[in-house]
Structures are given as C-alpha cells and as structure tokens.
Amino acid sequence: MTNIKLILKTERINHGYKQIDIAKYLNIEQAAYSKYETGRTIPTPENFTKLANLYDVPVDYLMGTDIATILRRSYDLGKSKGEIIGDNIKLKLQTKKEKEIEK
C-alpha cells in the first residue's frame, strides 16, 4: 500500500482535526477511521472523495498517486513532515527507474 496512511494522518493533523472529528464527518466509528491511519484498511471510494473535498486536494493525492501534489504538499509542510513523504516519492521514482533499466 502506498503511503495512504501517512498522507491521511498528515492532512488531518495539519488541518487541526482529531480522529473522532473525521470519523463523524465520514459517518463512521473512530475505530474504523483509525484503521485508515494505521494501514489496516483503506477508505471507500466515497470516503476518499469526502476527504479530498474536506482537505481541498485531489483524490489521487490522498491515494498517494499524484506525485506533483505530494511534492508540493511536502514542500509546504517543511522538512520535518515533508521528508517522510519525500522519501516515499524517492522510492517510487527509484523503483520506476529500475523497471526502465530492466527493459
């Protein structure tokens, strides 16, 4: 799984929400939301959409697939939090480069 859990947690914290706040917004139990942030489950497509609207970001970003937004958000967060997301991007780019070399 991509860093969905880290992205969800980072966005929640940066927006000043607690897990219970997001759970109520999504109309789910706090324990169910907590599983999103621990990587035990992932949001439904409907909940990804709701979260993207709440945080004003693309769904692809929350899913860890929108590299441009991830880079911009990591830069905005500063080095402490952004480095973690940045490391994930480096890993993705490195893996992509390795695949190209194999061809």
N, C-alpha and C. Protein backbone atom coordinates (compact mmCIF):
# COMPACT_ATOMS: atom_id res chain seq x y z
N MET A 1 0.85 -1.18 0.00
CA MET A 1 0.00 0.00 0.00
C MET A 1 0.89 1.24 0.00
N THR A 2 0.53 2.18 -0.81
CA THR A 2 1.25 3.45 -0.85
C THR A 2 1.09 4.12 0.50
N ASN A 3 1.68 5.23 0.69
CA ASN A 3 1.64 5.91 1.98
C ASN A 3 0.30 6.59 2.26
N ILE A 4 -0.77 5.92 1.96
CA ILE A 4 -2.11 6.47 2.21
C ILE A 4 -2.25 6.83 3.69
N LYS A 5 -1.81 5.93 4.55
CA LYS A 5 -1.99 6.16 5.98
C LYS A 5 -1.25 7.42 6.44
N LEU A 6 -0.04 7.62 5.94
CA LEU A 6 0.73 8.80 6.32
C LEU A 6 0.10 10.08 5.77
N ILE A 7 -0.36 10.03 4.55
CA ILE A 7 -0.99 11.20 3.94
C ILE A 7 -2.25 11.58 4.70
N LEU A 8 -3.09 10.58 5.03
CA LEU A 8 -4.33 10.86 5.77
C LEU A 8 -4.03 11.47 7.13
N LYS A 9 -3.07 10.90 7.83
CA LYS A 9 -2.74 11.42 9.16
C LYS A 9 -2.16 12.82 9.08
N THR A 10 -1.26 13.04 8.13
CA THR A 10 -0.64 14.35 7.97
C THR A 10 -1.67 15.42 7.66
N GLU A 11 -2.57 15.12 6.73
CA GLU A 11 -3.61 16.10 6.38
C GLU A 11 -4.51 16.39 7.58
N ARG A 12 -4.89 15.33 8.30
CA ARG A 12 -5.78 15.53 9.46
C ARG A 12 -5.11 16.44 10.48
N ILE A 13 -3.88 16.15 10.81
CA ILE A 13 -3.15 16.93 11.81
C ILE A 13 -2.95 18.37 11.33
N ASN A 14 -2.55 18.52 10.08
CA ASN A 14 -2.31 19.87 9.55
C ASN A 14 -3.56 20.72 9.51
N HIS A 15 -4.71 20.09 9.43
CA HIS A 15 -5.97 20.82 9.43
C HIS A 15 -6.56 20.97 10.84
N GLY A 16 -5.86 20.43 11.83
CA GLY A 16 -6.28 20.60 13.23
C GLY A 16 -7.43 19.71 13.66
N TYR A 17 -7.63 18.61 12.98
CA TYR A 17 -8.71 17.70 13.34
C TYR A 17 -8.20 16.55 14.19
N LYS A 18 -9.11 16.00 14.99
CA LYS A 18 -8.84 14.77 15.72
C LYS A 18 -9.48 13.63 14.93
N GLN A 19 -9.06 12.42 15.21
CA GLN A 19 -9.64 11.27 14.51
C GLN A 19 -11.15 11.23 14.66
N ILE A 20 -11.65 11.53 15.83
CA ILE A 20 -13.10 11.49 16.08
C ILE A 20 -13.83 12.50 15.19
N ASP A 21 -13.21 13.64 14.94
CA ASP A 21 -13.82 14.66 14.07
C ASP A 21 -14.00 14.12 12.66
N ILE A 22 -12.96 13.47 12.15
CA ILE A 22 -13.01 12.93 10.79
C ILE A 22 -13.99 11.77 10.73
N ALA A 23 -13.98 10.94 11.75
CA ALA A 23 -14.92 9.81 11.79
C ALA A 23 -16.37 10.30 11.74
N LYS A 24 -16.67 11.34 12.51
CA LYS A 24 -18.03 11.89 12.48
C LYS A 24 -18.36 12.45 11.11
N TYR A 25 -17.42 13.14 10.50
CA TYR A 25 -17.61 13.70 9.16
C TYR A 25 -17.92 12.60 8.15
N LEU A 26 -17.23 11.47 8.29
CA LEU A 26 -17.42 10.36 7.36
C LEU A 26 -18.59 9.45 7.77
N ASN A 27 -19.15 9.72 8.95
CA ASN A 27 -20.24 8.92 9.48
C ASN A 27 -19.81 7.47 9.72
N ILE A 28 -18.61 7.33 10.31
CA ILE A 28 -18.10 6.02 10.70
C ILE A 28 -17.60 6.10 12.13
N GLU A 29 -17.30 4.96 12.71
CA GLU A 29 -16.75 4.92 14.07
C GLU A 29 -15.30 5.41 14.05
N GLN A 30 -14.87 5.97 15.18
CA GLN A 30 -13.49 6.43 15.29
C GLN A 30 -12.52 5.27 15.09
N ALA A 31 -12.87 4.08 15.59
CA ALA A 31 -12.01 2.91 15.42
C ALA A 31 -11.85 2.56 13.94
N ALA A 32 -12.90 2.73 13.17
CA ALA A 32 -12.83 2.45 11.73
C ALA A 32 -11.91 3.45 11.04
N TYR A 33 -12.01 4.72 11.44
CA TYR A 33 -11.11 5.73 10.85
C TYR A 33 -9.66 5.45 11.26
N SER A 34 -9.46 5.07 12.50
CA SER A 34 -8.11 4.78 12.99
C SER A 34 -7.44 3.71 12.12
N LYS A 35 -8.22 2.77 11.64
CA LYS A 35 -7.66 1.71 10.78
C LYS A 35 -7.14 2.28 9.46
N TYR A 36 -7.72 3.38 9.00
CA TYR A 36 -7.19 4.04 7.80
C TYR A 36 -5.77 4.54 8.06
N GLU A 37 -5.59 5.15 9.22
CA GLU A 37 -4.29 5.76 9.53
C GLU A 37 -3.24 4.76 9.97
N THR A 38 -3.65 3.55 10.30
CA THR A 38 -2.68 2.51 10.63
C THR A 38 -2.42 1.58 9.46
N GLY A 39 -3.16 1.79 8.37
CA GLY A 39 -2.96 0.99 7.18
C GLY A 39 -3.64 -0.36 7.20
N ARG A 40 -4.50 -0.59 8.18
CA ARG A 40 -5.20 -1.88 8.25
C ARG A 40 -6.33 -1.96 7.24
N THR A 41 -6.92 -0.82 6.90
CA THR A 41 -7.93 -0.75 5.85
C THR A 41 -7.72 0.55 5.08
N ILE A 42 -8.40 0.67 3.95
CA ILE A 42 -8.34 1.92 3.21
C ILE A 42 -9.75 2.46 3.07
N PRO A 43 -9.88 3.76 2.90
CA PRO A 43 -11.22 4.35 2.75
C PRO A 43 -11.95 3.81 1.52
N THR A 44 -13.26 3.84 1.61
CA THR A 44 -14.08 3.51 0.44
C THR A 44 -13.90 4.63 -0.58
N PRO A 45 -14.25 4.38 -1.83
CA PRO A 45 -14.17 5.47 -2.82
C PRO A 45 -14.97 6.70 -2.38
N GLU A 46 -16.13 6.47 -1.79
CA GLU A 46 -16.96 7.59 -1.30
C GLU A 46 -16.22 8.38 -0.22
N ASN A 47 -15.57 7.67 0.70
CA ASN A 47 -14.86 8.37 1.78
C ASN A 47 -13.59 9.05 1.28
N PHE A 48 -12.92 8.46 0.28
CA PHE A 48 -11.79 9.16 -0.33
C PHE A 48 -12.26 10.50 -0.91
N THR A 49 -13.40 10.48 -1.57
CA THR A 49 -13.95 11.70 -2.16
C THR A 49 -14.29 12.73 -1.09
N LYS A 50 -14.93 12.28 -0.02
CA LYS A 50 -15.27 13.20 1.07
C LYS A 50 -14.02 13.82 1.69
N LEU A 51 -13.00 13.00 1.90
CA LEU A 51 -11.76 13.50 2.49
C LEU A 51 -11.06 14.47 1.55
N ALA A 52 -11.06 14.16 0.28
CA ALA A 52 -10.43 15.06 -0.70
C ALA A 52 -11.14 16.42 -0.69
N ASN A 53 -12.46 16.40 -0.60
CA ASN A 53 -13.22 17.66 -0.54
C ASN A 53 -12.91 18.41 0.75
N LEU A 54 -12.85 17.70 1.85
CA LEU A 54 -12.56 18.33 3.14
C LEU A 54 -11.20 19.01 3.14
N TYR A 55 -10.19 18.32 2.62
CA TYR A 55 -8.83 18.85 2.62
C TYR A 55 -8.50 19.68 1.38
N ASP A 56 -9.44 19.75 0.46
CA ASP A 56 -9.27 20.50 -0.79
C ASP A 56 -8.03 20.03 -1.56
N VAL A 57 -7.98 18.72 -1.76
CA VAL A 57 -6.89 18.09 -2.51
C VAL A 57 -7.49 17.08 -3.48
N PRO A 58 -6.73 16.66 -4.50
CA PRO A 58 -7.23 15.63 -5.40
C PRO A 58 -7.28 14.26 -4.71
N VAL A 59 -8.22 13.44 -5.10
CA VAL A 59 -8.32 12.09 -4.56
C VAL A 59 -7.01 11.34 -4.82
N ASP A 60 -6.43 11.55 -6.00
CA ASP A 60 -5.17 10.88 -6.34
C ASP A 60 -4.08 11.17 -5.31
N TYR A 61 -4.07 12.38 -4.80
CA TYR A 61 -3.08 12.75 -3.79
C TYR A 61 -3.29 11.91 -2.52
N LEU A 62 -4.54 11.80 -2.07
CA LEU A 62 -4.81 11.03 -0.86
C LEU A 62 -4.44 9.56 -1.05
N MET A 63 -4.55 9.10 -2.28
CA MET A 63 -4.22 7.70 -2.58
C MET A 63 -2.72 7.51 -2.81
N GLY A 64 -1.98 8.60 -2.77
CA GLY A 64 -0.54 8.51 -2.92
C GLY A 64 -0.07 8.34 -4.35
N THR A 65 -0.91 8.73 -5.31
CA THR A 65 -0.55 8.53 -6.71
C THR A 65 -0.32 9.82 -7.48
N ASP A 66 -0.61 10.96 -6.88
CA ASP A 66 -0.43 12.25 -7.55
C ASP A 66 0.89 12.86 -7.09
N ILE A 67 1.95 12.52 -7.79
CA ILE A 67 3.30 12.93 -7.39
C ILE A 67 3.45 14.45 -7.30
N ALA A 68 2.89 15.19 -8.23
CA ALA A 68 3.04 16.65 -8.21
C ALA A 68 2.45 17.25 -6.94
N THR A 69 1.26 16.80 -6.56
CA THR A 69 0.63 17.34 -5.35
C THR A 69 1.40 16.89 -4.11
N ILE A 70 1.86 15.65 -4.10
CA ILE A 70 2.62 15.17 -2.94
C ILE A 70 3.88 16.00 -2.77
N LEU A 71 4.57 16.27 -3.86
CA LEU A 71 5.79 17.10 -3.77
C LEU A 71 5.47 18.50 -3.26
N ARG A 72 4.42 19.11 -3.81
CA ARG A 72 4.06 20.46 -3.38
C ARG A 72 3.67 20.47 -1.90
N ARG A 73 2.86 19.50 -1.48
CA ARG A 73 2.41 19.47 -0.08
C ARG A 73 3.58 19.18 0.84
N SER A 74 4.51 18.30 0.42
CA SER A 74 5.66 18.02 1.27
C SER A 74 6.52 19.26 1.45
N TYR A 75 6.68 20.01 0.37
CA TYR A 75 7.45 21.25 0.46
C TYR A 75 6.75 22.22 1.41
N ASP A 76 5.44 22.33 1.31
CA ASP A 76 4.68 23.23 2.17
C ASP A 76 4.77 22.82 3.63
N LEU A 77 4.88 21.54 3.90
CA LEU A 77 4.93 21.05 5.28
C LEU A 77 6.27 21.35 5.94
N GLY A 78 7.29 21.54 5.15
CA GLY A 78 8.62 21.73 5.70
C GLY A 78 9.32 20.40 5.81
N LYS A 79 10.55 20.44 6.22
CA LYS A 79 11.38 19.25 6.19
C LYS A 79 10.93 18.18 7.18
N SER A 80 10.49 18.54 8.37
CA SER A 80 10.22 17.53 9.38
C SER A 80 9.17 16.52 8.91
N LYS A 81 8.03 16.98 8.43
CA LYS A 81 6.99 16.07 7.97
C LYS A 81 7.17 15.74 6.50
N GLY A 82 7.63 16.70 5.74
CA GLY A 82 7.77 16.52 4.30
C GLY A 82 8.81 15.50 3.90
N GLU A 83 9.84 15.34 4.72
CA GLU A 83 10.89 14.38 4.37
C GLU A 83 10.33 12.97 4.29
N ILE A 84 9.39 12.66 5.16
CA ILE A 84 8.81 11.32 5.17
C ILE A 84 8.10 11.06 3.85
N ILE A 85 7.28 12.00 3.44
CA ILE A 85 6.56 11.85 2.18
C ILE A 85 7.55 11.89 1.03
N GLY A 86 8.55 12.75 1.11
CA GLY A 86 9.56 12.85 0.08
C GLY A 86 10.33 11.54 -0.09
N ASP A 87 10.61 10.85 1.02
CA ASP A 87 11.30 9.57 0.93
C ASP A 87 10.46 8.56 0.17
N ASN A 88 9.16 8.60 0.35
CA ASN A 88 8.27 7.70 -0.37
C ASN A 88 8.34 7.98 -1.87
N ILE A 89 8.39 9.24 -2.23
CA ILE A 89 8.47 9.62 -3.64
C ILE A 89 9.80 9.14 -4.24
N LYS A 90 10.88 9.34 -3.50
CA LYS A 90 12.18 8.88 -3.98
C LYS A 90 12.15 7.38 -4.24
N LEU A 91 11.52 6.65 -3.34
CA LEU A 91 11.41 5.20 -3.51
C LEU A 91 10.62 4.86 -4.76
N LYS A 92 9.51 5.57 -4.99
CA LYS A 92 8.70 5.33 -6.18
C LYS A 92 9.50 5.62 -7.44
N LEU A 93 10.19 6.74 -7.45
CA LEU A 93 10.97 7.12 -8.62
C LEU A 93 12.11 6.14 -8.86
N GLN A 94 12.74 5.69 -7.78
CA GLN A 94 13.83 4.74 -7.90
C GLN A 94 13.29 3.42 -8.47
N THR A 95 12.16 2.96 -7.98
CA THR A 95 11.55 1.73 -8.47
C THR A 95 11.20 1.86 -9.94
N LYS A 96 10.65 3.01 -10.34
CA LYS A 96 10.30 3.23 -11.74
C LYS A 96 11.55 3.19 -12.60
N LYS A 97 12.63 3.81 -12.13
CA LYS A 97 13.88 3.85 -12.88
C LYS A 97 14.44 2.43 -13.02
N GLU A 98 14.36 1.64 -11.96
CA GLU A 98 14.84 0.27 -12.01
C GLU A 98 14.06 -0.54 -13.04
N LYS A 99 12.75 -0.33 -13.11
CA LYS A 99 11.92 -1.04 -14.07
C LYS A 99 12.31 -0.67 -15.50
N GLU A 100 12.62 0.62 -15.72
CA GLU A 100 13.03 1.07 -17.05
C GLU A 100 14.36 0.45 -17.44
N ILE A 101 15.26 0.27 -16.49
CA ILE A 101 16.55 -0.32 -16.77
C ILE A 101 16.40 -1.79 -17.16
N GLU A 102 15.44 -2.46 -16.50
CA GLU A 102 15.21 -3.88 -16.79
C GLU A 102 14.74 -4.10 -18.21
N LYS A 103 14.07 -3.11 -18.80
CA LYS A 103 13.52 -3.26 -20.16
C LYS A 103 14.57 -3.31 -21.17
